[in-house]
Amino acid sequence: MRFAAVLFCLVDLLCGSMVVTRTNPDHDVMVRNMGEAKVTIQIPAEESIEEQATVGGRRKRVLDAKPSIFGESVISGPDYERGGTFTPDGKTFYFSKRSPSGYFSAICVSHYRNGKWSMPEIASFSGHFVDQDPIISPDGSKLFFTSRRPVNGKEREDSDIWSAEKTDVGWSQPQNLGPPVNTSANEGYATVTREGTLYFHSSREGGRGSFDIYRSRSLNEKYAEPENLGDAINTPAAEAHPFIAPDESYLVFLSVGRSDEIIGDGNRYVRGDLYVSLRRDGVWTTARHLGSDINTAAAELCPFVSLDGKYLFFTSERGFVTTLPKERLGFHQIMRGLRSISNGLGNIYQVDISALGVN
């Protein structure tokens, strides 16, 4: 039963909706930390002010060294939000909003106007199929995302990487990257360096675990055969959701099932933590767990760094009962938690880049 729960959790986290023949009825999401959370508002680069707002709307110029919910009540809310990416000017933000069990997911967009983020809308290229995890290239010319949409009119049972080109009126019609990046297995969460090298996860044959992280170099406007990142990154556990620094100096990623993963005290099984590895003289250092300031007993996933390099963003399922409550909860307490932003569905968090320890 525990293996089935782990498998279901892994597929749900990495691929979204998936054809499965058996699920675990005891797969309850555990969460932590209900209360008046603080939220850091991302300010466009030219304003260069760190502005933090509480739930009540009071603002002050502080920079919280601890993770805080991003765009509370506008971008992050009681629904499940995950991942994200900024345009180079920092004024537009794309992210995923999905159903709780991952049967459907759409890419949303919000604009920073008049000192606040606008109410999100569905991106022009999304809303019909299972789309998630948008990432914009460092120069802003391409947007990559993961999708289960049909290819050449044929339905797919696996997820693929798609891309859209920036145009004068928005984004072009998305195109499937095709082989050798995409296969009949699951590929997703593509991020790219300034030189055009693509990093992504895949469940293709020949990996060290159920999911591994690969890279594919851009050669003459085509992608070369993907390379497995090797033992410093990939293990018999599952590695996924790679964010590569634009200069390829570090990699932040999700791993599910490592021995140092934080496990809760309620429904005990692995959910995924974030790790970082540095690239030194072309070699990846052994990945380091980001610790309890970032990771919790809930799932942490979908890392990315703002294009100005100042903030780490990630998704977390932490909430009001990530760890078991110290005292018995009554019906109204539980319902208040379940209907709040701290209900354990994913929220997007922000923290100063120093939390990565890469400088």
Protein backbone atom coordinates (compact mmCIF):
# COMPACT_ATOMS: atom_id res chain seq x y z
CA MET A 1 0.00 0.00 0.00
CA ARG A 2 2.82 2.40 0.82
CA PHE A 3 4.48 1.72 -2.55
CA ALA A 4 1.20 2.45 -4.34
CA ALA A 5 0.87 5.73 -2.43
CA VAL A 6 4.42 6.74 -3.31
CA LEU A 7 3.91 5.87 -6.98
CA PHE A 8 0.65 7.81 -7.16
CA CYS A 9 2.24 10.83 -5.44
CA LEU A 10 5.25 10.73 -7.78
CA VAL A 11 3.21 10.56 -10.96
CA ASP A 12 0.86 13.29 -9.73
CA LEU A 13 3.70 15.66 -8.82
CA LEU A 14 5.74 15.21 -11.99
CA CYS A 15 3.21 14.60 -14.73
CA GLY A 16 -0.14 15.97 -13.59
CA SER A 17 -3.11 13.95 -14.76
CA MET A 18 -2.12 10.40 -15.61
CA VAL A 19 -3.81 7.15 -16.55
CA VAL A 20 -3.52 4.96 -13.44
CA THR A 21 -5.24 1.70 -12.69
CA ARG A 22 -5.06 1.93 -8.91
CA THR A 23 -5.03 4.79 -6.47
CA ASN A 24 -4.70 4.97 -2.71
CA PRO A 25 -7.89 6.07 -0.90
CA ASP A 26 -5.74 7.04 2.09
CA HIS A 27 -3.66 9.50 0.02
CA ASP A 28 -4.40 12.50 2.22
CA VAL A 29 -2.37 15.66 1.74
CA MET A 30 -0.71 16.91 4.93
CA VAL A 31 -0.01 20.61 5.43
CA ARG A 32 1.17 23.13 8.01
CA ASN A 33 1.30 26.70 9.34
CA MET A 34 -2.12 28.35 9.21
CA GLY A 35 -2.40 31.96 10.31
CA GLU A 36 -1.78 35.48 9.06
CA ALA A 37 1.05 34.65 6.67
CA LYS A 38 3.23 37.37 5.18
CA VAL A 39 3.62 37.69 1.45
CA THR A 40 6.45 39.31 -0.46
CA ILE A 41 5.33 41.22 -3.55
CA GLN A 42 7.65 40.95 -6.55
CA ILE A 43 8.54 44.49 -7.71
CA PRO A 44 9.74 45.12 -11.29
CA ALA A 45 13.48 45.66 -11.56
CA GLU A 46 13.39 49.40 -12.14
CA GLU A 47 11.61 49.98 -8.81
CA SER A 48 14.10 47.79 -6.88
CA ILE A 49 12.07 47.88 -3.65
CA GLU A 50 11.35 44.82 -1.53
CA GLU A 51 7.78 45.33 -0.39
CA GLN A 52 6.01 42.95 1.96
CA ALA A 53 2.31 42.83 2.70
CA THR A 54 0.39 40.94 5.35
CA VAL A 55 -2.97 39.36 4.67
CA GLY A 56 -4.61 42.50 6.00
CA GLY A 57 -2.89 44.65 3.38
CA ARG A 58 -0.45 46.55 5.62
CA ARG A 59 2.89 47.14 3.88
CA LYS A 60 6.44 47.76 4.99
CA ARG A 61 9.88 47.68 3.41
CA VAL A 62 11.42 44.51 4.73
CA LEU A 63 13.05 41.49 3.19
CA ASP A 64 12.05 38.24 4.87
CA ALA A 65 14.82 35.66 5.04
CA LYS A 66 12.15 32.96 5.41
CA PRO A 67 9.92 31.76 2.55
CA SER A 68 6.71 33.76 2.17
CA ILE A 69 3.66 33.24 -0.02
CA PHE A 70 3.88 35.09 -3.32
CA GLY A 71 0.92 37.16 -4.53
CA GLU A 72 -1.43 36.02 -1.78
CA SER A 73 -5.14 36.08 -2.70
CA VAL A 74 -4.31 37.04 -6.30
CA ILE A 75 -1.77 34.49 -7.56
CA SER A 76 -1.56 32.12 -4.60
CA GLY A 77 -4.95 31.29 -3.09
CA PRO A 78 -6.99 28.37 -1.72
CA ASP A 79 -6.70 26.57 -5.09
CA TYR A 80 -3.67 24.58 -6.25
CA GLU A 81 -1.05 26.87 -7.86
CA ARG A 82 2.39 25.68 -8.91
CA GLY A 83 5.51 26.72 -10.77
CA GLY A 84 5.96 30.00 -12.55
CA THR A 85 8.13 32.28 -14.65
CA PHE A 86 8.63 36.02 -15.22
CA THR A 87 9.15 37.92 -18.43
CA PRO A 88 12.57 39.66 -18.50
CA ASP A 89 11.08 43.01 -17.38
CA GLY A 90 9.53 41.36 -14.29
CA LYS A 91 6.08 42.75 -15.13
CA THR A 92 4.35 39.58 -16.33
CA PHE A 93 4.08 36.30 -14.45
CA TYR A 94 2.96 32.93 -15.84
CA PHE A 95 2.06 30.00 -13.56
CA SER A 96 -0.11 26.86 -13.41
CA LYS A 97 -3.47 26.43 -11.74
CA ARG A 98 -4.68 22.85 -11.47
CA SER A 99 -7.43 20.70 -10.06
CA PRO A 100 -6.56 19.08 -6.69
CA SER A 101 -5.96 15.62 -8.15
CA GLY A 102 -4.22 16.85 -11.28
CA TYR A 103 -6.88 15.77 -13.78
CA PHE A 104 -6.70 19.23 -15.35
CA SER A 105 -4.19 22.06 -15.31
CA ALA A 106 -4.02 25.37 -17.17
CA ILE A 107 -1.38 28.07 -17.52
CA CYS A 108 -2.37 31.48 -16.16
CA VAL A 109 -0.90 34.95 -16.62
CA SER A 110 -0.90 38.02 -14.36
CA HIS A 111 0.46 41.53 -15.05
CA TYR A 112 2.05 43.98 -12.61
CA ARG A 113 0.15 47.26 -12.98
CA ASN A 114 -0.30 50.27 -10.72
CA GLY A 115 1.70 48.68 -7.92
CA LYS A 116 -0.09 45.33 -7.81
CA TRP A 117 -0.58 42.07 -9.67
CA SER A 118 -3.69 41.84 -11.85
CA MET A 119 -6.31 39.13 -11.52
CA PRO A 120 -4.94 36.17 -13.51
CA GLU A 121 -6.31 35.11 -16.88
CA ILE A 122 -5.81 31.90 -18.82
CA ALA A 123 -2.87 32.22 -21.22
CA SER A 124 -3.85 32.47 -24.89
CA PHE A 125 -2.35 29.06 -25.71
CA SER A 126 -3.83 27.17 -22.72
CA GLY A 127 -7.18 26.20 -21.20
CA HIS A 128 -8.12 23.21 -23.34
CA PHE A 129 -5.56 20.53 -22.47
CA VAL A 130 -3.48 19.57 -19.42
CA ASP A 131 -0.77 22.28 -19.51
CA GLN A 132 1.60 23.21 -16.68
CA ASP A 133 5.03 24.41 -15.58
CA PRO A 134 5.76 27.36 -17.92
CA ILE A 135 9.34 28.61 -18.11
CA ILE A 136 10.51 31.59 -20.20
CA SER A 137 14.03 31.58 -21.67
CA PRO A 138 16.50 34.14 -20.26
CA ASP A 139 16.17 36.36 -23.36
CA GLY A 140 12.37 36.19 -23.26
CA SER A 141 12.09 34.79 -26.80
CA LYS A 142 10.63 31.37 -25.94
CA LEU A 143 8.19 29.91 -23.44
CA PHE A 144 8.50 26.20 -22.62
CA PHE A 145 5.80 24.20 -20.87
CA THR A 146 4.71 20.62 -20.16
CA SER A 147 1.55 19.29 -21.79
CA ARG A 148 -0.46 16.17 -22.51
CA ARG A 149 -2.12 17.72 -25.57
CA PRO A 150 -2.43 15.65 -28.77
CA VAL A 151 0.49 15.48 -31.19
CA ASN A 152 -0.44 15.59 -34.89
CA GLY A 153 -4.03 14.89 -33.90
CA LYS A 154 -3.17 11.79 -31.86
CA GLU A 155 -3.97 11.55 -28.15
CA ARG A 156 -1.02 11.04 -25.80
CA GLU A 157 -0.81 9.09 -22.55
CA ASP A 158 2.50 10.72 -21.65
CA SER A 159 3.57 14.32 -21.07
CA ASP A 160 5.80 16.17 -23.55
CA ILE A 161 7.70 19.46 -23.69
CA TRP A 162 6.23 22.18 -25.90
CA SER A 163 7.44 25.67 -26.78
CA ALA A 164 5.98 28.91 -28.12
CA GLU A 165 7.86 31.80 -29.75
CA LYS A 166 7.46 35.41 -28.64
CA THR A 167 5.68 37.54 -31.28
CA ASP A 168 4.55 41.15 -31.55
CA VAL A 169 1.05 40.14 -30.40
CA GLY A 170 1.87 37.52 -27.77
CA TRP A 171 2.94 33.91 -28.28
CA SER A 172 2.95 31.74 -31.37
CA GLN A 173 1.04 28.48 -31.70
CA PRO A 174 2.86 25.97 -29.42
CA GLN A 175 5.03 23.33 -31.07
CA ASN A 176 6.01 19.92 -29.73
CA LEU A 177 9.81 19.72 -29.36
CA GLY A 178 9.77 16.21 -30.82
CA PRO A 179 12.66 13.75 -30.68
CA PRO A 180 15.26 13.41 -29.36
CA VAL A 181 13.94 15.49 -26.41
CA ASN A 182 10.44 13.98 -26.31
CA THR A 183 9.88 10.21 -26.30
CA SER A 184 7.01 7.84 -25.57
CA ALA A 185 7.92 8.25 -21.87
CA ASN A 186 7.18 11.36 -19.78
CA GLU A 187 9.22 14.52 -20.35
CA GLY A 188 8.69 17.86 -18.67
CA TYR A 189 9.84 20.95 -16.76
CA ALA A 190 12.22 22.38 -19.37
CA THR A 191 14.52 25.23 -18.39
CA VAL A 192 17.20 26.71 -20.60
CA THR A 193 20.60 28.41 -20.34
CA ARG A 194 21.66 31.60 -22.12
CA GLU A 195 23.48 29.37 -24.61
CA GLY A 196 20.27 27.47 -25.35
CA THR A 197 21.05 24.19 -23.55
CA LEU A 198 17.82 22.57 -22.38
CA TYR A 199 17.51 20.87 -18.98
CA PHE A 200 14.46 18.68 -18.31
CA HIS A 201 13.25 15.54 -16.56
CA SER A 202 12.32 12.27 -18.23
CA SER A 203 11.17 8.76 -17.33
CA ARG A 204 12.79 7.29 -20.47
CA GLU A 205 14.57 3.96 -20.36
CA GLY A 206 18.18 3.88 -19.23
CA GLY A 207 17.82 6.22 -16.26
CA ARG A 208 19.06 5.61 -12.74
CA GLY A 209 15.61 6.10 -11.16
CA SER A 210 11.98 6.37 -12.20
CA PHE A 211 12.70 9.96 -13.33
CA ASP A 212 16.12 11.42 -14.16
CA ILE A 213 17.36 14.87 -15.19
CA TYR A 214 18.87 15.32 -18.66
CA ARG A 215 20.30 18.10 -20.74
CA SER A 216 20.27 18.62 -24.50
CA ARG A 217 22.58 21.10 -26.21
CA SER A 218 21.29 23.40 -28.93
CA LEU A 219 23.22 22.79 -32.18
CA ASN A 220 22.28 24.58 -35.39
CA GLU A 221 18.80 25.34 -34.02
CA LYS A 222 18.24 21.65 -33.21
CA TYR A 223 18.56 19.75 -29.94
CA ALA A 224 21.30 17.15 -29.63
CA GLU A 225 20.80 13.71 -28.10
CA PRO A 226 20.03 14.25 -24.39
CA GLU A 227 22.74 13.50 -21.82
CA ASN A 228 21.97 12.05 -18.38
CA LEU A 229 23.47 14.34 -15.71
CA GLY A 230 25.03 11.40 -13.89
CA ASP A 231 25.43 10.19 -10.32
CA ALA A 232 26.00 13.59 -8.70
CA ILE A 233 22.41 14.51 -9.61
CA ASN A 234 20.47 11.34 -10.46
CA THR A 235 19.93 8.46 -8.03
CA PRO A 236 17.69 5.37 -7.73
CA ALA A 237 15.12 7.81 -6.29
CA ALA A 238 13.30 10.21 -8.66
CA GLU A 239 14.87 13.51 -9.77
CA ALA A 240 12.80 16.09 -11.62
CA HIS A 241 11.80 19.77 -11.98
CA PRO A 242 15.31 21.07 -12.79
CA PHE A 243 15.93 24.80 -12.75
CA ILE A 244 19.25 25.59 -14.42
CA ALA A 245 20.98 28.93 -13.79
CA PRO A 246 21.28 30.96 -17.03
CA ASP A 247 25.08 30.69 -16.81
CA GLU A 248 24.82 26.96 -15.94
CA SER A 249 26.60 27.52 -12.61
CA TYR A 250 24.02 25.76 -10.42
CA LEU A 251 20.99 23.49 -10.62
CA VAL A 252 17.99 23.39 -8.25
CA PHE A 253 15.71 20.39 -8.50
CA LEU A 254 13.16 18.12 -6.85
CA SER A 255 13.98 14.66 -5.60
CA VAL A 256 11.46 12.15 -4.25
CA GLY A 257 12.66 9.28 -2.08
CA ARG A 258 16.16 10.18 -0.89
CA SER A 259 17.25 9.15 2.59
CA ASP A 260 17.54 12.75 3.84
CA GLU A 261 14.04 13.79 2.72
CA ILE A 262 11.88 15.23 5.50
CA ILE A 263 9.05 12.82 6.36
CA GLY A 264 5.99 13.85 8.36
CA ASP A 265 4.48 12.23 11.42
CA GLY A 266 1.01 11.62 10.00
CA ASN A 267 0.46 9.72 6.74
CA ARG A 268 4.12 8.79 6.35
CA TYR A 269 5.48 8.52 2.83
CA VAL A 270 7.86 10.50 0.64
CA ARG A 271 6.56 13.62 -1.08
CA GLY A 272 9.64 15.39 -2.38
CA ASP A 273 12.22 17.97 -1.26
CA LEU A 274 14.42 20.50 -3.08
CA TYR A 275 18.16 20.09 -3.65
CA VAL A 276 20.95 22.17 -5.20
CA SER A 277 24.16 21.25 -7.01
CA LEU A 278 26.98 23.55 -8.16
CA ARG A 279 28.90 23.21 -11.41
CA ARG A 280 32.63 23.45 -10.82
CA ASP A 281 35.03 23.18 -13.78
CA GLY A 282 32.33 21.43 -15.78
CA VAL A 283 31.57 18.89 -13.04
CA TRP A 284 28.45 18.78 -10.87
CA THR A 285 28.98 18.65 -7.11
CA THR A 286 27.04 16.14 -5.03
CA ALA A 287 23.55 17.54 -4.57
CA ARG A 288 22.79 19.19 -1.22
CA HIS A 289 19.43 19.12 0.58
CA LEU A 290 18.17 22.70 1.04
CA GLY A 291 17.28 22.10 4.68
CA SER A 292 14.24 22.75 6.83
CA ASP A 293 14.06 26.49 6.06
CA ILE A 294 12.95 25.55 2.54
CA ASN A 295 11.78 21.94 2.79
CA THR A 296 9.03 20.56 5.02
CA ALA A 297 7.23 17.25 5.48
CA ALA A 298 4.94 18.40 2.66
CA ALA A 299 5.94 18.38 -1.00
CA GLU A 300 8.28 21.11 -2.25
CA LEU A 301 8.63 21.27 -6.01
CA CYS A 302 8.82 23.46 -9.13
CA PRO A 303 11.83 25.67 -8.24
CA PHE A 304 12.79 28.68 -10.34
CA VAL A 305 14.84 31.84 -9.86
CA SER A 306 13.77 35.32 -10.97
CA LEU A 307 15.65 36.54 -14.03
CA ASP A 308 17.37 39.23 -11.95
CA GLY A 309 18.84 36.41 -9.82
CA LYS A 310 17.53 37.88 -6.55
CA TYR A 311 14.81 35.42 -5.51
CA LEU A 312 14.17 31.71 -5.38
CA PHE A 313 10.57 30.70 -5.99
CA PHE A 314 9.08 27.27 -5.42
CA THR A 315 5.80 25.49 -4.83
CA SER A 316 4.93 23.95 -1.48
CA GLU A 317 1.98 21.96 -0.19
CA ARG A 318 2.69 22.97 3.42
CA GLY A 319 -0.29 24.07 5.46
CA PHE A 320 -2.13 23.93 8.75
CA VAL A 321 -1.62 20.21 9.48
CA THR A 322 1.63 19.30 7.73
CA THR A 323 2.60 17.92 11.12
CA LEU A 324 0.06 16.41 13.47
CA PRO A 325 -1.66 19.03 15.68
CA LYS A 326 -0.61 19.12 19.33
CA GLU A 327 -4.25 19.11 20.42
CA ARG A 328 -7.45 17.62 19.04
CA LEU A 329 -9.04 19.78 16.32
CA GLY A 330 -12.76 20.42 16.24
CA PHE A 331 -14.95 20.38 13.12
CA HIS A 332 -14.99 24.16 12.69
CA GLN A 333 -11.19 24.38 13.10
CA ILE A 334 -10.67 21.76 10.42
CA MET A 335 -13.16 23.38 8.05
CA ARG A 336 -11.56 26.79 8.56
CA GLY A 337 -8.19 25.31 7.65
CA LEU A 338 -9.49 23.40 4.64
CA ARG A 339 -11.14 26.51 3.21
CA SER A 340 -8.10 28.72 3.75
CA ILE A 341 -4.97 29.38 1.72
CA SER A 342 -3.22 27.01 4.15
CA ASN A 343 -5.34 24.01 3.19
CA GLY A 344 -2.41 22.04 1.78
CA LEU A 345 -3.04 22.61 -1.89
CA GLY A 346 0.01 24.08 -3.56
CA ASN A 347 1.04 27.70 -3.08
CA ILE A 348 3.94 29.60 -4.65
CA TYR A 349 6.60 30.80 -2.21
CA GLN A 350 9.42 33.32 -2.52
CA VAL A 351 12.68 33.66 -0.58
CA ASP A 352 15.90 35.62 -0.96
CA ILE A 353 18.42 33.88 -3.23
CA SER A 354 20.88 33.64 -0.31
CA ALA A 355 18.81 30.65 0.88
CA LEU A 356 20.40 28.62 -1.95
CA GLY A 357 23.95 29.21 -0.71
CA VAL A 358 25.34 29.32 -4.24
CA ASN A 359 27.42 32.51 -4.00
